[in-house]
Amino acid sequence: MNLSRFGKKLTGPSGVPMLMEDMASAMANGGKDSLLLGGGNPAYIPAMQQRLRQAMAHILDTPGAFEKMVGNYPAPQGDVEFLDALAELFNREYGWGISAKNITLTNGSQSAFFNLFNMFAGEYPDGSHKKILLPLAPEYIGYADVGLTEDFFISFKPEIEFLEPHLFKYHVDFDALTITDDVGAICVSRPTNPTGNVLTAEELARLSDLAQAHNIPLMIDNAYGTPFPQIIYSDAEPIWNENIILSMSLSKLGMPAARTGIIIANEETTHAITRLNAVTSLAPGSMGARLALELVQSGEIISLSHDVIRPYYHNKALQAMEQLQYELGDLDYFIHKPEGAFFLWIWFRGMPISSQELYERLKAQRVFIIPGHYFFPGLPGEWQHTQECIRINYALDENVVQPGLHAIAETVKAVYGG
């Protein structure tokens, strides 16, 4: 098939297609012969599932509500009632002073970042070429291939803080961080996918100050963060100002199929995203917004996130950590301190094979993980660390997670020679 440069760029081999293909393969035959620890699917949390069922039942019982949800195009900005409710929630809880004009919905966060990144990076009318700065690698696998031009990202190695035995944490290396004229925007995720790292308030403040000083936006990917879905195990407050583009999502509330992303930004930015929505998809879908509307209007979305979602995943993280520490014993490994999201980032220091080879060996056993080298877009030069890390998802049922972690441990021990 003869493809354009755009077609070849977005259909070539990369991390996200591999991830999604693994998910499809693992789910074949009902997933009975596979252990999928590589994807990003949230858990089926019974209390959340029940609450979403109640929301759907209310829609079905309200005359005209179902017909409106599935039968009408929403505005390109998204469901107007939902946008108003979100603005009221953030103003009531955090005093941001925003209106619905500061918010636009998208068909999921992935499509939001495709549009945002290509708005602020790539070729400019004056002939210059700008990049997205990722100040703390590793970063989300989904960023790597969304740029429409080459040389799209620049990233920096982190500082590594060793904590208790077999535990570490990444920090932004501000001494190494430089922002040149070819940077169009800064982007961080918080909590970070893949590591579960939560940037400190001081780190965020310094990044925000740097962005403002260089007249570029700071994008914060808050898909797992505060105040919803609140999959964050340390003290953290939401942050926003006119120079921040805050991305949120309904996926990790337990609604990934609804594909509902939320962008909070200055009006110029949200207006641009709204116009992109109209051109590329006419409008974002309504189902997620209508299902979550009551939860946002009442503020229940925050209490459910804090009291149901957060403790569920925190308990899963502790269980997975305990099993890995027992199974891996005295091997030369480190786990990034799990501060949020629902992934463990494991560093097998000095591993005799690459993480890609480990992935292949586990895949042969129908155990699916993500090799770490996909999470370092824009990092210059070679760094052995990128070949020694893997990401696993601990969100799924224990009959998947426990045998999956056991298989990983046994395979790694064999690699190290016993």
Protein backbone atom coordinates (compact mmCIF):
# COMPACT_ATOMS: atom_id res chain seq x y z
CA MET A 1 0.00 0.00 0.00
CA ASN A 2 1.41 3.37 -1.04
CA LEU A 3 1.03 5.71 1.93
CA SER A 4 1.70 9.39 2.51
CA ARG A 5 4.31 10.53 5.00
CA PHE A 6 1.45 11.03 7.49
CA GLY A 7 0.21 7.48 6.84
CA LYS A 8 3.63 5.92 7.25
CA LYS A 9 4.33 7.93 10.41
CA LEU A 10 1.17 6.86 12.20
CA THR A 11 0.95 3.26 10.98
CA GLY A 12 4.55 2.21 11.50
CA PRO A 13 5.83 -0.01 14.34
CA SER A 14 5.68 1.65 17.75
CA GLY A 15 4.73 1.11 21.36
CA VAL A 16 1.03 1.99 21.38
CA PRO A 17 -0.03 -0.31 18.51
CA MET A 18 1.97 -3.10 20.12
CA LEU A 19 0.22 -2.46 23.43
CA MET A 20 -3.25 -2.46 21.89
CA GLU A 21 -2.50 -5.56 19.80
CA ASP A 22 -1.31 -7.36 22.94
CA MET A 23 -4.54 -6.38 24.67
CA ALA A 24 -6.60 -7.78 21.79
CA SER A 25 -4.55 -10.97 21.75
CA ALA A 26 -4.83 -11.40 25.51
CA MET A 27 -8.59 -10.90 25.44
CA ALA A 28 -9.14 -13.50 22.70
CA ASN A 29 -11.06 -16.52 23.99
CA GLY A 30 -12.15 -14.44 26.94
CA GLY A 31 -8.57 -14.02 28.11
CA LYS A 32 -8.57 -17.50 29.63
CA ASP A 33 -5.05 -18.43 28.54
CA SER A 34 -3.41 -15.01 28.99
CA LEU A 35 -2.17 -12.81 31.83
CA LEU A 36 -2.40 -9.20 30.69
CA LEU A 37 -0.23 -6.98 32.86
CA GLY A 38 0.76 -4.65 30.06
CA GLY A 39 -2.35 -2.61 29.32
CA GLY A 40 -3.87 0.41 30.99
CA ASN A 41 -7.41 -0.79 31.53
CA PRO A 42 -8.87 0.26 34.90
CA ALA A 43 -10.33 -2.30 37.26
CA TYR A 44 -14.01 -3.14 37.55
CA ILE A 45 -14.54 -1.64 41.01
CA PRO A 46 -17.93 -2.94 42.20
CA ALA A 47 -19.04 0.25 43.96
CA MET A 48 -18.19 2.38 40.92
CA GLN A 49 -19.83 -0.04 38.51
CA GLN A 50 -22.97 0.04 40.61
CA ARG A 51 -23.00 3.84 40.73
CA LEU A 52 -22.59 4.08 36.96
CA ARG A 53 -25.42 1.59 36.52
CA GLN A 54 -27.60 3.86 38.66
CA ALA A 55 -26.66 6.83 36.51
CA MET A 56 -27.57 4.93 33.35
CA ALA A 57 -30.85 3.77 34.89
CA HIS A 58 -31.71 7.38 35.73
CA ILE A 59 -31.06 8.39 32.12
CA LEU A 60 -33.24 5.53 30.84
CA ASP A 61 -36.04 6.44 33.26
CA THR A 62 -36.04 10.15 32.39
CA PRO A 63 -38.27 10.92 29.39
CA GLY A 64 -36.21 12.09 26.44
CA ALA A 65 -32.82 11.78 28.20
CA PHE A 66 -31.67 8.63 26.40
CA GLU A 67 -32.84 9.96 23.05
CA LYS A 68 -30.94 13.21 23.61
CA MET A 69 -27.78 11.34 24.66
CA VAL A 70 -27.60 9.11 21.58
CA GLY A 71 -29.67 11.03 19.04
CA ASN A 72 -28.25 14.57 19.02
CA TYR A 73 -24.85 15.96 18.08
CA PRO A 74 -23.42 17.84 21.04
CA ALA A 75 -21.63 21.14 20.53
CA PRO A 76 -18.01 20.81 19.28
CA GLN A 77 -16.95 21.98 22.73
CA GLY A 78 -18.86 19.12 24.36
CA ASP A 79 -22.06 18.70 26.38
CA VAL A 80 -22.92 22.22 27.58
CA GLU A 81 -24.59 21.16 30.84
CA PHE A 82 -21.58 19.04 31.76
CA LEU A 83 -19.18 21.90 31.01
CA ASP A 84 -21.14 24.23 33.29
CA ALA A 85 -21.16 21.62 36.05
CA LEU A 86 -17.39 21.12 35.79
CA ALA A 87 -16.72 24.87 35.99
CA GLU A 88 -18.97 25.18 39.05
CA LEU A 89 -17.23 22.21 40.72
CA PHE A 90 -13.71 23.58 40.28
CA ASN A 91 -14.72 27.08 41.33
CA ARG A 92 -16.54 25.81 44.42
CA GLU A 93 -13.76 23.47 45.52
CA TYR A 94 -10.62 25.33 44.42
CA GLY A 95 -11.60 28.91 43.60
CA TRP A 96 -10.17 28.85 40.08
CA GLY A 97 -12.58 31.46 38.73
CA ILE A 98 -13.14 29.66 35.45
CA SER A 99 -16.23 29.40 33.26
CA ALA A 100 -17.42 26.79 30.79
CA LYS A 101 -15.43 28.71 28.16
CA ASN A 102 -12.25 27.46 29.86
CA ILE A 103 -13.21 23.81 29.28
CA THR A 104 -13.57 21.67 26.21
CA LEU A 105 -14.17 17.93 25.88
CA THR A 106 -12.37 15.55 23.53
CA ASN A 107 -12.76 11.97 22.43
CA GLY A 108 -10.34 10.77 25.08
CA SER A 109 -7.00 12.13 26.27
CA GLN A 110 -5.05 10.50 23.44
CA SER A 111 -6.84 12.56 20.81
CA ALA A 112 -6.49 15.64 23.02
CA PHE A 113 -2.71 15.32 23.15
CA PHE A 114 -2.49 14.60 19.42
CA ASN A 115 -4.13 17.97 18.83
CA LEU A 116 -2.35 19.86 21.61
CA PHE A 117 1.14 18.63 20.75
CA ASN A 118 0.74 19.42 17.07
CA MET A 119 -0.69 22.86 17.90
CA PHE A 120 2.43 23.85 19.83
CA ALA A 121 5.19 21.83 18.13
CA GLY A 122 6.24 21.01 14.59
CA GLU A 123 6.66 23.40 11.68
CA TYR A 124 5.67 27.05 12.25
CA PRO A 125 4.64 29.52 9.51
CA ASP A 126 7.95 31.37 9.89
CA GLY A 127 9.86 28.19 9.02
CA SER A 128 10.99 27.44 12.56
CA HIS A 129 10.58 24.00 14.11
CA LYS A 130 9.51 23.62 17.72
CA LYS A 131 9.46 20.64 20.08
CA ILE A 132 7.60 19.37 23.12
CA LEU A 133 9.82 19.31 26.21
CA LEU A 134 9.38 16.34 28.54
CA PRO A 135 11.41 17.38 31.60
CA LEU A 136 11.22 14.01 33.33
CA ALA A 137 11.74 10.84 31.32
CA PRO A 138 10.36 8.17 31.38
CA GLU A 139 6.97 9.44 30.21
CA TYR A 140 3.70 8.08 28.82
CA ILE A 141 4.05 5.65 25.91
CA GLY A 142 1.13 7.29 24.10
CA TYR A 143 3.04 10.52 23.53
CA ALA A 144 5.83 8.99 21.48
CA ASP A 145 4.16 8.73 18.08
CA VAL A 146 1.63 11.57 17.98
CA GLY A 147 3.96 14.17 16.48
CA LEU A 148 3.47 14.80 12.77
CA THR A 149 7.09 15.83 12.19
CA GLU A 150 10.42 14.27 13.03
CA ASP A 151 12.56 15.35 15.98
CA PHE A 152 9.36 16.21 17.87
CA PHE A 153 10.38 15.71 21.53
CA ILE A 154 13.26 16.57 23.76
CA SER A 155 13.55 14.96 27.19
CA PHE A 156 15.99 14.77 30.07
CA LYS A 157 17.29 12.02 32.31
CA PRO A 158 15.89 12.16 35.85
CA GLU A 159 17.72 12.38 39.11
CA ILE A 160 17.45 9.02 40.87
CA GLU A 161 16.92 8.96 44.62
CA PHE A 162 17.46 5.57 46.28
CA LEU A 163 15.09 5.02 49.18
CA GLU A 164 14.76 1.88 51.28
CA PRO A 165 16.21 -1.35 49.82
CA HIS A 166 14.82 -2.08 46.35
CA LEU A 167 12.89 1.21 46.17
CA PHE A 168 13.73 4.43 44.30
CA LYS A 169 12.16 7.65 43.01
CA TYR A 170 12.74 9.91 40.02
CA HIS A 171 13.01 13.71 40.32
CA VAL A 172 13.30 16.47 37.73
CA ASP A 173 16.97 17.35 37.27
CA PHE A 174 16.61 21.12 37.19
CA ASP A 175 20.38 21.58 36.97
CA ALA A 176 20.39 19.80 33.61
CA LEU A 177 17.06 21.16 32.36
CA THR A 178 17.44 23.77 29.64
CA ILE A 179 14.70 25.47 27.64
CA THR A 180 15.81 26.72 24.25
CA ASP A 181 13.98 28.78 21.64
CA ASP A 182 12.89 25.63 19.80
CA VAL A 183 10.64 24.47 22.69
CA GLY A 184 6.95 25.11 22.03
CA ALA A 185 5.50 23.65 25.24
CA ILE A 186 6.39 21.66 28.36
CA CYS A 187 4.46 18.50 29.24
CA VAL A 188 4.37 16.30 32.35
CA SER A 189 2.02 13.62 33.60
CA ARG A 190 1.05 13.54 37.29
CA PRO A 191 0.89 10.81 38.48
CA THR A 192 3.29 9.67 35.83
CA ASN A 193 2.48 6.76 33.60
CA PRO A 194 4.56 4.47 33.62
CA THR A 195 6.25 5.00 36.99
CA GLY A 196 3.53 6.12 39.38
CA ASN A 197 5.71 9.12 40.23
CA VAL A 198 3.98 12.23 41.58
CA LEU A 199 5.85 15.45 40.93
CA THR A 200 6.07 17.50 44.09
CA ALA A 201 4.30 20.83 44.43
CA GLU A 202 7.70 22.51 44.32
CA GLU A 203 8.64 20.75 41.06
CA LEU A 204 5.33 21.78 39.47
CA ALA A 205 5.73 25.37 40.65
CA ARG A 206 9.25 25.57 39.19
CA LEU A 207 8.08 24.11 35.86
CA SER A 208 5.16 26.54 35.79
CA ASP A 209 7.51 29.46 36.44
CA LEU A 210 9.88 28.30 33.70
CA ALA A 211 7.02 27.96 31.21
CA GLN A 212 5.72 31.44 31.97
CA ALA A 213 9.21 32.92 31.76
CA HIS A 214 9.60 31.47 28.25
CA ASN A 215 6.01 32.32 27.22
CA ILE A 216 5.08 28.70 26.53
CA PRO A 217 2.32 26.57 28.09
CA LEU A 218 2.79 23.89 30.71
CA MET A 219 0.63 20.87 29.93
CA ILE A 220 -0.26 18.60 32.87
CA ASP A 221 -1.67 15.18 32.04
CA ASN A 222 -3.89 14.54 35.05
CA ALA A 223 -5.59 11.35 33.81
CA TYR A 224 -4.93 9.53 37.12
CA GLY A 225 -4.72 12.54 39.36
CA THR A 226 -6.57 14.82 41.69
CA PRO A 227 -9.42 15.56 42.33
CA PHE A 228 -10.70 12.71 40.17
CA PRO A 229 -10.06 9.83 39.75
CA GLN A 230 -7.66 10.49 42.67
CA ILE A 231 -5.45 7.45 42.04
CA ILE A 232 -2.74 9.19 43.97
CA TYR A 233 -1.32 8.02 47.29
CA SER A 234 0.50 11.13 48.47
CA ASP A 235 -0.71 14.59 49.41
CA ALA A 236 -1.31 16.57 46.25
CA GLU A 237 -3.54 19.48 45.33
CA PRO A 238 -4.84 20.26 41.84
CA ILE A 239 -3.09 23.14 40.16
CA TRP A 240 -4.23 25.44 37.35
CA ASN A 241 -3.53 28.90 36.05
CA GLU A 242 -3.97 30.70 32.71
CA ASN A 243 -0.66 29.31 31.42
CA ILE A 244 -1.45 25.69 32.35
CA ILE A 245 -3.29 23.29 30.05
CA LEU A 246 -4.76 20.70 32.39
CA SER A 247 -5.90 17.44 30.83
CA MET A 248 -8.30 15.15 32.70
CA SER A 249 -10.30 12.06 31.82
CA LEU A 250 -13.28 9.95 32.83
CA SER A 251 -11.53 6.72 31.81
CA LYS A 252 -9.95 5.83 35.13
CA LEU A 253 -13.26 6.36 36.94
CA GLY A 254 -14.15 3.10 35.22
CA MET A 255 -15.40 4.51 31.90
CA PRO A 256 -12.61 4.00 29.34
CA ALA A 257 -15.03 2.98 26.60
CA ALA A 258 -16.82 6.35 26.86
CA ARG A 259 -13.65 8.11 25.55
CA THR A 260 -14.16 11.39 27.39
CA GLY A 261 -11.22 13.72 27.79
CA ILE A 262 -11.40 17.11 29.53
CA ILE A 263 -9.17 20.09 28.73
CA ILE A 264 -9.03 23.09 31.09
CA ALA A 265 -7.09 26.04 29.72
CA ASN A 266 -7.31 29.70 28.79
CA GLU A 267 -10.13 30.56 26.41
CA GLU A 268 -7.86 30.96 23.39
CA THR A 269 -6.62 27.37 23.78
CA THR A 270 -10.02 25.81 24.45
CA HIS A 271 -11.45 27.68 21.46
CA ALA A 272 -8.70 26.23 19.25
CA ILE A 273 -9.34 22.68 20.52
CA THR A 274 -13.06 23.17 19.95
CA ARG A 275 -12.42 24.11 16.33
CA LEU A 276 -10.17 21.06 15.92
CA ASN A 277 -12.96 18.91 17.34
CA ALA A 278 -15.32 20.26 14.71
CA VAL A 279 -12.89 19.59 11.86
CA THR A 280 -11.70 16.12 12.90
CA SER A 281 -14.78 14.59 14.55
CA LEU A 282 -17.61 17.15 14.43
CA ALA A 283 -18.02 16.83 18.21
CA PRO A 284 -16.90 14.70 21.17
CA GLY A 285 -19.24 11.92 22.26
CA SER A 286 -21.93 12.60 24.85
CA MET A 287 -22.22 9.32 26.73
CA GLY A 288 -19.45 9.86 29.26
CA ALA A 289 -20.55 13.42 29.99
CA ARG A 290 -24.19 12.42 30.52
CA LEU A 291 -23.27 9.44 32.74
CA ALA A 292 -21.03 11.59 34.93
CA LEU A 293 -23.24 14.69 35.01
CA GLU A 294 -24.99 14.00 38.33
CA LEU A 295 -21.70 13.00 39.95
CA VAL A 296 -20.14 16.32 38.97
CA GLN A 297 -23.16 18.45 39.88
CA SER A 298 -23.33 16.95 43.38
CA GLY A 299 -19.57 16.74 43.93
CA GLU A 300 -19.93 13.00 44.42
CA ILE A 301 -17.27 12.47 41.77
CA ILE A 302 -14.70 13.75 44.30
CA SER A 303 -15.93 11.72 47.27
CA LEU A 304 -16.16 8.51 45.22
CA SER A 305 -12.65 9.09 43.92
CA HIS A 306 -11.25 9.68 47.40
CA ASP A 307 -13.21 7.05 49.33
CA VAL A 308 -13.65 4.25 46.77
CA ILE A 309 -11.20 4.48 43.87
CA ARG A 310 -8.08 5.65 45.71
CA PRO A 311 -8.09 3.03 48.50
CA TYR A 312 -8.93 0.25 46.04
CA TYR A 313 -5.84 0.88 43.93
CA HIS A 314 -3.60 1.70 46.88
CA ASN A 315 -4.38 -1.70 48.40
CA LYS A 316 -3.65 -3.36 45.06
CA ALA A 317 -0.31 -1.54 44.87
CA LEU A 318 0.73 -2.71 48.33
CA GLN A 319 -0.24 -6.31 47.52
CA ALA A 320 1.74 -6.29 44.27
CA MET A 321 4.76 -4.72 45.99
CA GLU A 322 4.70 -7.31 48.76
CA GLN A 323 4.53 -10.21 46.31
CA LEU A 324 7.35 -8.89 44.12
CA GLN A 325 9.63 -8.20 47.08
CA TYR A 326 9.07 -11.76 48.28
CA GLU A 327 9.48 -13.40 44.88
CA LEU A 328 12.48 -11.41 43.66
CA GLY A 329 14.40 -11.76 46.92
CA ASP A 330 17.95 -10.44 46.71
CA LEU A 331 18.12 -9.84 42.98
CA ASP A 332 19.51 -6.48 41.90
CA TYR A 333 16.16 -4.81 41.25
CA PHE A 334 14.40 -1.59 42.25
CA ILE A 335 10.74 -0.60 42.12
CA HIS A 336 9.79 3.03 41.66
CA LYS A 337 7.93 4.22 44.74
CA PRO A 338 4.25 3.77 43.82
CA GLU A 339 2.71 7.18 44.48
CA GLY A 340 -0.21 6.94 42.08
CA ALA A 341 -1.70 5.56 38.84
CA PHE A 342 -1.89 1.75 38.80
CA PHE A 343 1.46 0.67 37.44
CA LEU A 344 4.69 -0.62 38.91
CA TRP A 345 7.90 0.41 37.18
CA ILE A 346 10.58 -2.20 37.85
CA TRP A 347 14.27 -1.63 37.18
CA PHE A 348 16.37 -4.80 36.86
CA ARG A 349 19.81 -3.25 37.21
CA GLY A 350 22.44 -5.02 35.17
CA MET A 351 19.96 -7.50 33.68
CA PRO A 352 21.81 -9.74 31.18
CA ILE A 353 19.11 -9.25 28.52
CA SER A 354 17.13 -6.22 27.39
CA SER A 355 13.61 -5.49 28.56
CA GLN A 356 12.47 -6.18 24.98
CA GLU A 357 13.93 -9.70 25.18
CA LEU A 358 12.28 -10.18 28.57
CA TYR A 359 9.00 -9.06 27.00
CA GLU A 360 9.41 -11.65 24.22
CA ARG A 361 10.14 -14.46 26.70
CA LEU A 362 7.11 -13.59 28.79
CA LYS A 363 4.88 -13.18 25.74
CA ALA A 364 5.78 -16.74 24.74
CA GLN A 365 4.21 -17.76 28.07
CA ARG A 366 1.15 -15.57 27.31
CA VAL A 367 2.20 -13.07 29.99
CA PHE A 368 2.07 -9.50 28.67
CA ILE A 369 4.11 -6.57 29.99
CA ILE A 370 5.51 -3.38 28.41
CA PRO A 371 9.29 -3.12 27.86
CA GLY A 372 10.69 0.12 29.19
CA HIS A 373 12.51 1.56 26.19
CA TYR A 374 9.23 2.83 24.67
CA PHE A 375 8.85 5.37 27.50
CA PHE A 376 11.83 7.62 26.69
CA PRO A 377 10.86 9.70 23.61
CA GLY A 378 13.29 12.49 22.79
CA LEU A 379 16.08 11.34 25.11
CA PRO A 380 19.42 11.97 23.36
CA GLY A 381 22.16 9.37 23.30
CA GLU A 382 22.23 5.88 24.74
CA TRP A 383 21.28 5.07 28.34
CA GLN A 384 21.41 1.48 29.56
CA HIS A 385 18.71 2.22 32.12
CA THR A 386 16.10 2.39 29.33
CA GLN A 387 16.79 -1.27 28.49
CA GLU A 388 16.47 -2.52 32.08
CA CYS A 389 12.96 -1.40 33.05
CA ILE A 390 9.46 -2.77 32.55
CA ARG A 391 5.96 -1.52 33.32
CA ILE A 392 3.24 -3.74 34.77
CA ASN A 393 -0.42 -3.04 35.55
CA TYR A 394 -1.62 -4.27 38.95
CA ALA A 395 -5.24 -3.11 38.51
CA LEU A 396 -6.75 -6.36 37.31
CA ASP A 397 -8.13 -9.31 39.28
CA GLU A 398 -5.78 -11.20 41.57
CA ASN A 399 -6.22 -14.35 39.48
CA VAL A 400 -4.37 -12.41 36.75
CA VAL A 401 -1.96 -10.27 38.77
CA GLN A 402 -0.60 -12.90 41.17
CA PRO A 403 0.30 -15.58 38.60
CA GLY A 404 1.54 -12.86 36.26
CA LEU A 405 3.94 -11.46 38.85
CA HIS A 406 5.08 -14.98 39.69
CA ALA A 407 5.84 -15.69 36.02
CA ILE A 408 7.80 -12.44 35.74
CA ALA A 409 9.84 -13.24 38.85
CA GLU A 410 10.61 -16.80 37.75
CA THR A 411 11.64 -15.65 34.26
CA VAL A 412 13.88 -12.88 35.59
CA LYS A 413 15.52 -15.19 38.11
CA ALA A 414 16.29 -17.62 35.29
CA VAL A 415 17.81 -14.76 33.29
CA TYR A 416 20.06 -13.83 36.20
CA GLY A 417 21.09 -17.47 36.49
CA GLY A 418 18.94 -18.75 39.33
